[in-house]
Amino acid sequence: MDKKKSKSRKSKGDGWIKRHTLGLIIGVMAVVAAIGVVAGFALQSYGGDTTWVYIPEGATDDAVADTLRSRLGSVEGNRVKMLWLMQGGSASRAHGAYKVEHGQRSVVTARRLAKGMQTPVRVAWNNVRTMGQLAERVTSKLECSPAEFISACDAILPERGYRTSEFPAAFMPDTYEFYWTVSPKELVERLVEYRNRFWNEERRMAAERLGLSPIEVATVASIVEEETAKHDEYGMIARLYLNRLKTKMPLQADPTVKFASGDFSLRRITGAHLKIESPYNTYRIKGLPPGPIRVASSKAIESVLSAPAHNYLYMCAKEDFSGYHNFASDYPTHQSNARKYQAELNRRNIK
């Protein structure tokens, strides 16, 4: 009798173990399957062309979701949204710009949004004549506006020793990297810091030997850069203007007259233009204008600092319209060069 009870209890125990073992195995398999599903979901990748996702300040979670669907497509956008929320993402943390490349894993995109890991934005410009143009170019790929950039300049640059007319000398054309969310204040400060690093002790001493401040060098460089597109002429033209400054001769630089007129499309400077009342009209004032007439490049600035010695005081565009100039050290020779150029302007009917 006791043996039968023992066998019965053993049989029941074995059955319980088998049932629970089977349940455990099924549970583990379900978990593994679930993990596989989640992993497969998370490891999907973006199949479109490289794009940018911009999350503005003050966006809501719904707005973020809408942006993801708009930029990445409905399927990928919803997938990234779900993974982003699973990682504790919030719209305030996601504020920024994110580059999403073809083949980028959905989970990677979501994690970057959740942690606010922005992609730096490249900001580049050249050929800028006015602060208004500079503001437009600098902020074209950033969240801040041109007006906010100008306001930051007005607040910061006077404290750094710049008069309003000298503001262009605080900046230098180049390629920079910023986060899309950079504040206007930080943007201006970092650009000025870059300019200050360029103006090292060696360059400052070179400017001092010319009897000019760095801002004045930038002003001369801006005129040089407006005079010619030929980089190999920069040094010659720079020395010509330095010679005029040294002899107290008016610069009589046509680009300054064009700047004073506000019409940058002018192809021919006439007597009427030379009569414009402006501190930038170097036919009417002696010395340098109040500030640069464009944001001068580092190449143009270097051309002033290392201008080759010569005794030329006059120049005129070559009559072959090659973009180069005829130089002269005396006025009669210059008049002869000018007559040839004026005749060609008339022949081509350039007003």
Protein backbone atom coordinates (compact mmCIF):
# COMPACT_ATOMS: atom_id res chain seq x y z
CA MET A 1 0.00 0.00 0.00
CA ASP A 2 2.79 2.41 0.95
CA LYS A 3 4.62 1.59 -2.23
CA LYS A 4 1.55 2.44 -4.34
CA LYS A 5 1.14 5.82 -2.61
CA SER A 6 4.80 6.56 -3.12
CA LYS A 7 4.54 5.79 -6.83
CA SER A 8 1.43 7.95 -7.12
CA ARG A 9 3.11 10.92 -5.45
CA LYS A 10 6.16 10.54 -7.67
CA SER A 11 4.00 10.39 -10.77
CA LYS A 12 2.16 13.55 -9.76
CA GLY A 13 5.47 15.29 -9.02
CA ASP A 14 6.93 14.35 -12.34
CA GLY A 15 3.82 15.63 -14.11
CA TRP A 16 4.01 18.96 -12.27
CA ILE A 17 7.68 19.39 -13.21
CA LYS A 18 6.99 18.51 -16.82
CA ARG A 19 4.08 20.92 -17.04
CA HIS A 20 6.01 23.78 -15.44
CA THR A 21 9.12 23.04 -17.47
CA LEU A 22 7.07 23.13 -20.62
CA GLY A 23 5.45 26.38 -19.49
CA LEU A 24 8.87 27.85 -18.76
CA ILE A 25 10.17 26.81 -22.16
CA ILE A 26 7.14 28.30 -23.88
CA GLY A 27 7.54 31.51 -21.83
CA VAL A 28 11.22 31.77 -22.73
CA MET A 29 10.42 31.16 -26.37
CA ALA A 30 7.77 33.87 -26.26
CA VAL A 31 10.22 36.30 -24.70
CA VAL A 32 12.88 35.42 -27.26
CA ALA A 33 10.32 35.82 -30.03
CA ALA A 34 9.23 39.17 -28.61
CA ILE A 35 12.86 40.31 -28.35
CA GLY A 36 13.37 39.21 -31.92
CA VAL A 37 10.36 41.16 -33.08
CA VAL A 38 11.49 44.29 -31.19
CA ALA A 39 15.07 43.88 -32.40
CA GLY A 40 13.91 43.42 -35.95
CA PHE A 41 11.71 46.49 -35.61
CA ALA A 42 14.50 48.58 -34.12
CA LEU A 43 17.12 47.48 -36.61
CA GLN A 44 15.14 48.60 -39.63
CA SER A 45 16.86 51.40 -41.52
CA TYR A 46 15.97 54.52 -43.46
CA GLY A 47 15.73 53.76 -47.17
CA GLY A 48 15.38 57.24 -48.61
CA ASP A 49 17.87 59.90 -49.70
CA THR A 50 19.87 61.79 -47.09
CA THR A 51 17.66 64.36 -45.40
CA TRP A 52 17.54 66.69 -42.41
CA VAL A 53 15.04 66.62 -39.57
CA TYR A 54 14.50 69.99 -37.87
CA ILE A 55 12.77 70.16 -34.48
CA PRO A 56 12.09 73.84 -33.62
CA GLU A 57 12.02 75.26 -30.14
CA GLY A 58 8.63 74.82 -28.49
CA ALA A 59 7.58 71.86 -30.64
CA THR A 60 5.16 69.32 -29.12
CA ASP A 61 5.51 65.55 -29.22
CA ASP A 62 2.81 65.44 -31.88
CA ALA A 63 4.67 68.03 -33.93
CA VAL A 64 7.85 65.95 -33.69
CA ALA A 65 5.93 62.91 -34.93
CA ASP A 66 4.51 64.91 -37.83
CA THR A 67 7.98 66.15 -38.75
CA LEU A 68 9.42 62.62 -38.67
CA ARG A 69 6.69 61.35 -40.99
CA SER A 70 7.13 64.34 -43.28
CA ARG A 71 10.92 64.03 -43.55
CA LEU A 72 11.38 60.24 -43.36
CA GLY A 73 8.15 58.91 -44.81
CA SER A 74 5.16 57.50 -42.99
CA VAL A 75 6.55 54.03 -42.17
CA GLU A 76 10.02 55.09 -41.06
CA GLY A 77 8.69 58.19 -39.34
CA ASN A 78 6.27 56.18 -37.20
CA ARG A 79 8.94 53.61 -36.41
CA VAL A 80 11.41 56.27 -35.27
CA LYS A 81 8.66 57.98 -33.25
CA MET A 82 7.85 54.78 -31.36
CA LEU A 83 11.50 54.01 -30.67
CA TRP A 84 12.08 57.62 -29.62
CA LEU A 85 9.21 57.49 -27.12
CA MET A 86 10.37 54.07 -25.84
CA GLN A 87 13.73 55.69 -25.01
CA GLY A 88 12.05 58.45 -23.00
CA GLY A 89 12.29 61.05 -25.73
CA SER A 90 10.78 64.50 -25.29
CA ALA A 91 10.24 67.33 -27.75
CA SER A 92 12.23 69.80 -25.64
CA ARG A 93 15.25 67.47 -25.60
CA ALA A 94 14.93 66.79 -29.33
CA HIS A 95 15.12 70.52 -30.20
CA GLY A 96 17.74 70.70 -32.95
CA ALA A 97 18.76 69.54 -36.43
CA TYR A 98 19.58 65.94 -37.32
CA LYS A 99 21.04 64.57 -40.51
CA VAL A 100 19.54 61.19 -41.46
CA GLU A 101 21.48 59.28 -44.10
CA HIS A 102 20.40 56.42 -46.31
CA GLY A 103 20.80 53.14 -44.42
CA GLN A 104 20.85 54.73 -40.96
CA ARG A 105 19.25 52.42 -38.38
CA SER A 106 15.91 53.56 -37.04
CA VAL A 107 17.05 52.99 -33.46
CA VAL A 108 20.10 55.19 -34.04
CA THR A 109 17.96 58.04 -35.33
CA ALA A 110 15.60 57.65 -32.37
CA ARG A 111 18.44 57.57 -29.85
CA ARG A 112 20.00 60.75 -31.24
CA LEU A 113 16.65 62.52 -30.96
CA ALA A 114 16.12 61.22 -27.44
CA LYS A 115 19.53 62.43 -26.30
CA GLY A 116 19.58 65.67 -28.33
CA MET A 117 22.67 64.57 -30.27
CA GLN A 118 22.47 67.13 -33.09
CA THR A 119 24.39 67.09 -36.35
CA PRO A 120 26.63 70.17 -36.80
CA VAL A 121 25.51 72.47 -39.63
CA ARG A 122 28.04 73.93 -42.04
CA VAL A 123 27.86 77.69 -42.48
CA ALA A 124 29.89 79.23 -45.30
CA TRP A 125 29.88 82.53 -47.15
CA ASN A 126 31.92 84.87 -49.32
CA ASN A 127 31.29 87.88 -51.55
CA VAL A 128 29.33 89.76 -48.88
CA ARG A 129 29.12 93.55 -49.11
CA THR A 130 26.76 94.62 -46.33
CA MET A 131 25.84 93.54 -42.83
CA GLY A 132 22.35 92.79 -44.08
CA GLN A 133 23.75 90.35 -46.65
CA LEU A 134 26.03 88.83 -44.01
CA ALA A 135 23.12 88.29 -41.64
CA GLU A 136 21.14 86.53 -44.38
CA ARG A 137 24.04 84.26 -45.35
CA VAL A 138 25.15 83.38 -41.81
CA THR A 139 21.68 82.48 -40.56
CA SER A 140 20.41 80.79 -43.73
CA LYS A 141 21.05 77.33 -42.24
CA LEU A 142 20.45 78.19 -38.59
CA GLU A 143 17.37 78.60 -36.41
CA CYS A 144 18.08 82.22 -35.48
CA SER A 145 16.94 85.00 -37.80
CA PRO A 146 18.95 87.71 -39.62
CA ALA A 147 17.35 90.33 -37.33
CA GLU A 148 18.50 88.42 -34.24
CA PHE A 149 22.02 88.21 -35.65
CA ILE A 150 22.13 91.97 -36.26
CA SER A 151 20.80 92.64 -32.74
CA ALA A 152 23.55 90.44 -31.31
CA CYS A 153 26.15 92.39 -33.33
CA ASP A 154 24.75 95.68 -32.00
CA ALA A 155 25.00 94.38 -28.44
CA ILE A 156 28.42 92.72 -28.64
CA LEU A 157 30.66 94.45 -31.19
CA PRO A 158 30.76 97.97 -29.68
CA GLU A 159 32.06 96.39 -26.47
CA ARG A 160 34.81 94.77 -28.55
CA GLY A 161 35.92 98.13 -29.95
CA TYR A 162 33.98 98.26 -33.24
CA ARG A 163 32.00 101.23 -34.46
CA THR A 164 28.91 100.35 -36.47
CA SER A 165 30.65 101.19 -39.75
CA GLU A 166 33.48 98.83 -38.77
CA PHE A 167 31.29 95.79 -38.05
CA PRO A 168 32.30 93.99 -41.31
CA ALA A 169 35.90 93.91 -40.05
CA ALA A 170 34.81 91.65 -37.17
CA PHE A 171 34.12 88.76 -39.54
CA MET A 172 35.98 86.71 -42.13
CA PRO A 173 34.58 84.52 -44.91
CA ASP A 174 35.20 80.83 -44.29
CA THR A 175 33.40 77.56 -43.61
CA TYR A 176 32.23 77.13 -40.02
CA GLU A 177 30.34 74.49 -38.06
CA PHE A 178 27.58 75.34 -35.60
CA TYR A 179 24.62 73.57 -34.13
CA TRP A 180 21.38 74.70 -35.74
CA THR A 181 20.19 75.89 -32.32
CA VAL A 182 23.21 78.15 -31.64
CA SER A 183 22.13 81.39 -29.98
CA PRO A 184 22.74 84.68 -31.86
CA LYS A 185 25.06 85.81 -29.06
CA GLU A 186 27.21 82.67 -29.21
CA LEU A 187 27.20 82.81 -33.01
CA VAL A 188 28.62 86.35 -33.08
CA GLU A 189 31.12 85.65 -30.31
CA ARG A 190 32.50 82.56 -32.01
CA LEU A 191 32.84 84.32 -35.37
CA VAL A 192 34.69 87.21 -33.71
CA GLU A 193 36.89 84.72 -31.87
CA TYR A 194 37.86 83.16 -35.20
CA ARG A 195 38.74 86.60 -36.58
CA ASN A 196 40.84 87.34 -33.49
CA ARG A 197 42.78 84.09 -33.86
CA PHE A 198 43.62 85.09 -37.44
CA TRP A 199 44.98 88.40 -36.19
CA ASN A 200 47.93 86.89 -34.36
CA GLU A 201 50.93 88.86 -33.11
CA GLU A 202 52.82 88.50 -36.40
CA ARG A 203 49.98 89.95 -38.47
CA ARG A 204 49.35 92.73 -35.98
CA MET A 205 53.01 93.73 -36.16
CA ALA A 206 52.85 93.71 -39.98
CA ALA A 207 49.85 96.04 -39.83
CA GLU A 208 51.68 98.30 -37.39
CA ARG A 209 54.62 98.58 -39.79
CA LEU A 210 52.15 99.87 -42.38
CA GLY A 211 50.84 102.41 -39.88
CA LEU A 212 47.43 100.74 -39.90
CA SER A 213 45.20 98.98 -37.39
CA PRO A 214 43.75 95.54 -38.21
CA ILE A 215 40.40 97.20 -38.92
CA GLU A 216 42.07 99.66 -41.32
CA VAL A 217 43.88 96.78 -43.05
CA ALA A 218 40.53 95.05 -43.50
CA THR A 219 39.16 98.28 -44.99
CA VAL A 220 41.98 98.49 -47.55
CA ALA A 221 41.56 94.77 -48.29
CA SER A 222 37.84 95.25 -48.90
CA ILE A 223 38.58 97.91 -51.53
CA VAL A 224 41.21 95.69 -53.16
CA GLU A 225 38.77 92.79 -53.34
CA GLU A 226 36.11 94.98 -54.94
CA GLU A 227 38.60 96.29 -57.50
CA THR A 228 39.52 92.94 -59.02
CA ALA A 229 38.57 89.30 -59.19
CA LYS A 230 42.17 88.46 -60.10
CA HIS A 231 43.85 87.21 -56.96
CA ASP A 232 47.30 87.60 -58.49
CA GLU A 233 46.67 91.37 -58.70
CA TYR A 234 45.68 91.82 -55.07
CA GLY A 235 49.17 92.72 -53.90
CA MET A 236 49.81 95.26 -56.66
CA ILE A 237 46.53 97.06 -56.03
CA ALA A 238 47.02 96.94 -52.27
CA ARG A 239 50.42 98.64 -52.56
CA LEU A 240 48.97 101.29 -54.89
CA TYR A 241 46.44 102.30 -52.23
CA LEU A 242 49.07 102.13 -49.52
CA ASN A 243 51.22 104.48 -51.65
CA ARG A 244 48.30 106.90 -51.93
CA LEU A 245 47.70 106.83 -48.19
CA LYS A 246 51.38 107.46 -47.54
CA THR A 247 51.47 110.48 -49.86
CA LYS A 248 48.15 111.85 -48.47
CA MET A 249 46.61 111.46 -51.91
CA PRO A 250 42.86 110.70 -52.09
CA LEU A 251 42.24 107.02 -52.71
CA GLN A 252 39.78 107.80 -55.53
CA ALA A 253 38.63 104.20 -55.49
CA ASP A 254 35.63 103.51 -57.72
CA PRO A 255 34.35 100.65 -55.51
CA THR A 256 33.88 103.07 -52.62
CA VAL A 257 31.73 105.29 -54.88
CA LYS A 258 29.65 102.28 -55.87
CA PHE A 259 29.21 101.42 -52.19
CA ALA A 260 28.20 105.01 -51.45
CA SER A 261 25.61 104.89 -54.22
CA GLY A 262 24.09 101.66 -52.88
CA ASP A 263 23.86 100.36 -56.46
CA PHE A 264 26.22 97.41 -56.71
CA SER A 265 25.16 96.70 -60.28
CA LEU A 266 26.95 99.80 -61.61
CA ARG A 267 29.37 98.94 -64.40
CA ARG A 268 30.48 102.50 -65.12
CA ILE A 269 31.23 105.29 -62.66
CA THR A 270 30.29 108.71 -64.08
CA GLY A 271 30.86 112.29 -62.97
CA ALA A 272 27.47 112.32 -61.28
CA HIS A 273 28.49 109.39 -59.10
CA LEU A 274 31.71 111.14 -58.08
CA LYS A 275 29.66 114.00 -56.60
CA ILE A 276 27.78 111.77 -54.14
CA GLU A 277 28.00 113.22 -50.64
CA SER A 278 29.16 110.31 -48.52
CA PRO A 279 32.06 109.49 -46.18
CA TYR A 280 32.57 106.47 -48.44
CA ASN A 281 33.16 108.57 -51.56
CA THR A 282 36.95 108.56 -51.63
CA TYR A 283 36.94 111.05 -54.49
CA ARG A 284 35.63 113.64 -52.02
CA ILE A 285 37.31 112.58 -48.77
CA LYS A 286 40.95 111.88 -47.99
CA GLY A 287 42.12 108.77 -46.25
CA LEU A 288 40.13 105.63 -45.67
CA PRO A 289 36.34 105.40 -45.60
CA PRO A 290 34.72 104.80 -42.18
CA GLY A 291 34.96 101.04 -42.54
CA PRO A 292 35.18 98.11 -44.94
CA ILE A 293 32.96 98.12 -48.02
CA ARG A 294 32.68 94.34 -47.84
CA VAL A 295 33.67 91.50 -45.53
CA ALA A 296 37.28 91.08 -46.65
CA SER A 297 38.74 87.61 -47.15
CA SER A 298 41.88 86.40 -45.42
CA LYS A 299 43.59 86.30 -48.84
CA ALA A 300 42.85 89.97 -49.47
CA ILE A 301 44.02 90.91 -45.96
CA GLU A 302 47.25 88.98 -46.45
CA SER A 303 47.79 90.79 -49.76
CA VAL A 304 47.74 94.11 -47.92
CA LEU A 305 50.11 92.93 -45.21
CA SER A 306 52.60 91.53 -47.75
CA ALA A 307 52.06 93.94 -50.67
CA PRO A 308 55.13 94.12 -52.96
CA ALA A 309 56.93 97.45 -53.16
CA HIS A 310 56.36 99.61 -56.28
CA ASN A 311 55.81 103.31 -57.07
CA TYR A 312 52.47 103.10 -58.88
CA LEU A 313 49.80 105.62 -57.94
CA TYR A 314 47.27 105.08 -60.73
CA MET A 315 45.47 102.18 -62.32
CA CYS A 316 42.79 101.65 -64.90
CA ALA A 317 41.02 98.54 -66.11
CA LYS A 318 42.61 97.11 -69.23
CA GLU A 319 40.76 97.84 -72.43
CA ASP A 320 40.75 94.14 -73.33
CA PHE A 321 38.26 93.52 -70.50
CA SER A 322 40.47 90.72 -69.19
CA GLY A 323 39.80 91.84 -65.63
CA TYR A 324 43.39 93.01 -65.18
CA HIS A 325 44.65 96.60 -64.86
CA ASN A 326 47.15 98.95 -66.43
CA PHE A 327 49.28 100.64 -63.76
CA ALA A 328 51.06 103.99 -63.96
CA SER A 329 53.27 106.06 -61.69
CA ASP A 330 52.45 109.38 -63.43
CA TYR A 331 49.17 111.01 -64.36
CA PRO A 332 49.77 111.50 -68.14
CA THR A 333 50.36 107.75 -68.56
CA HIS A 334 47.26 107.05 -66.53
CA GLN A 335 45.21 109.43 -68.70
CA SER A 336 46.35 107.57 -71.79
CA ASN A 337 45.33 104.24 -70.23
CA ALA A 338 41.97 105.67 -69.17
CA ARG A 339 41.20 107.01 -72.65
CA LYS A 340 41.73 103.55 -74.14
CA TYR A 341 39.41 101.99 -71.58
CA GLN A 342 36.71 104.68 -71.97
CA ALA A 343 36.81 104.27 -75.74
CA GLU A 344 36.19 100.54 -75.36
CA LEU A 345 33.30 101.19 -72.96
CA ASN A 346 31.74 103.47 -75.55
CA ARG A 347 32.35 100.97 -78.34
CA ARG A 348 30.56 98.26 -76.30
CA ASN A 349 27.78 100.72 -75.38
CA ILE A 350 28.30 100.17 -71.66
CA LYS A 351 26.61 102.98 -69.79
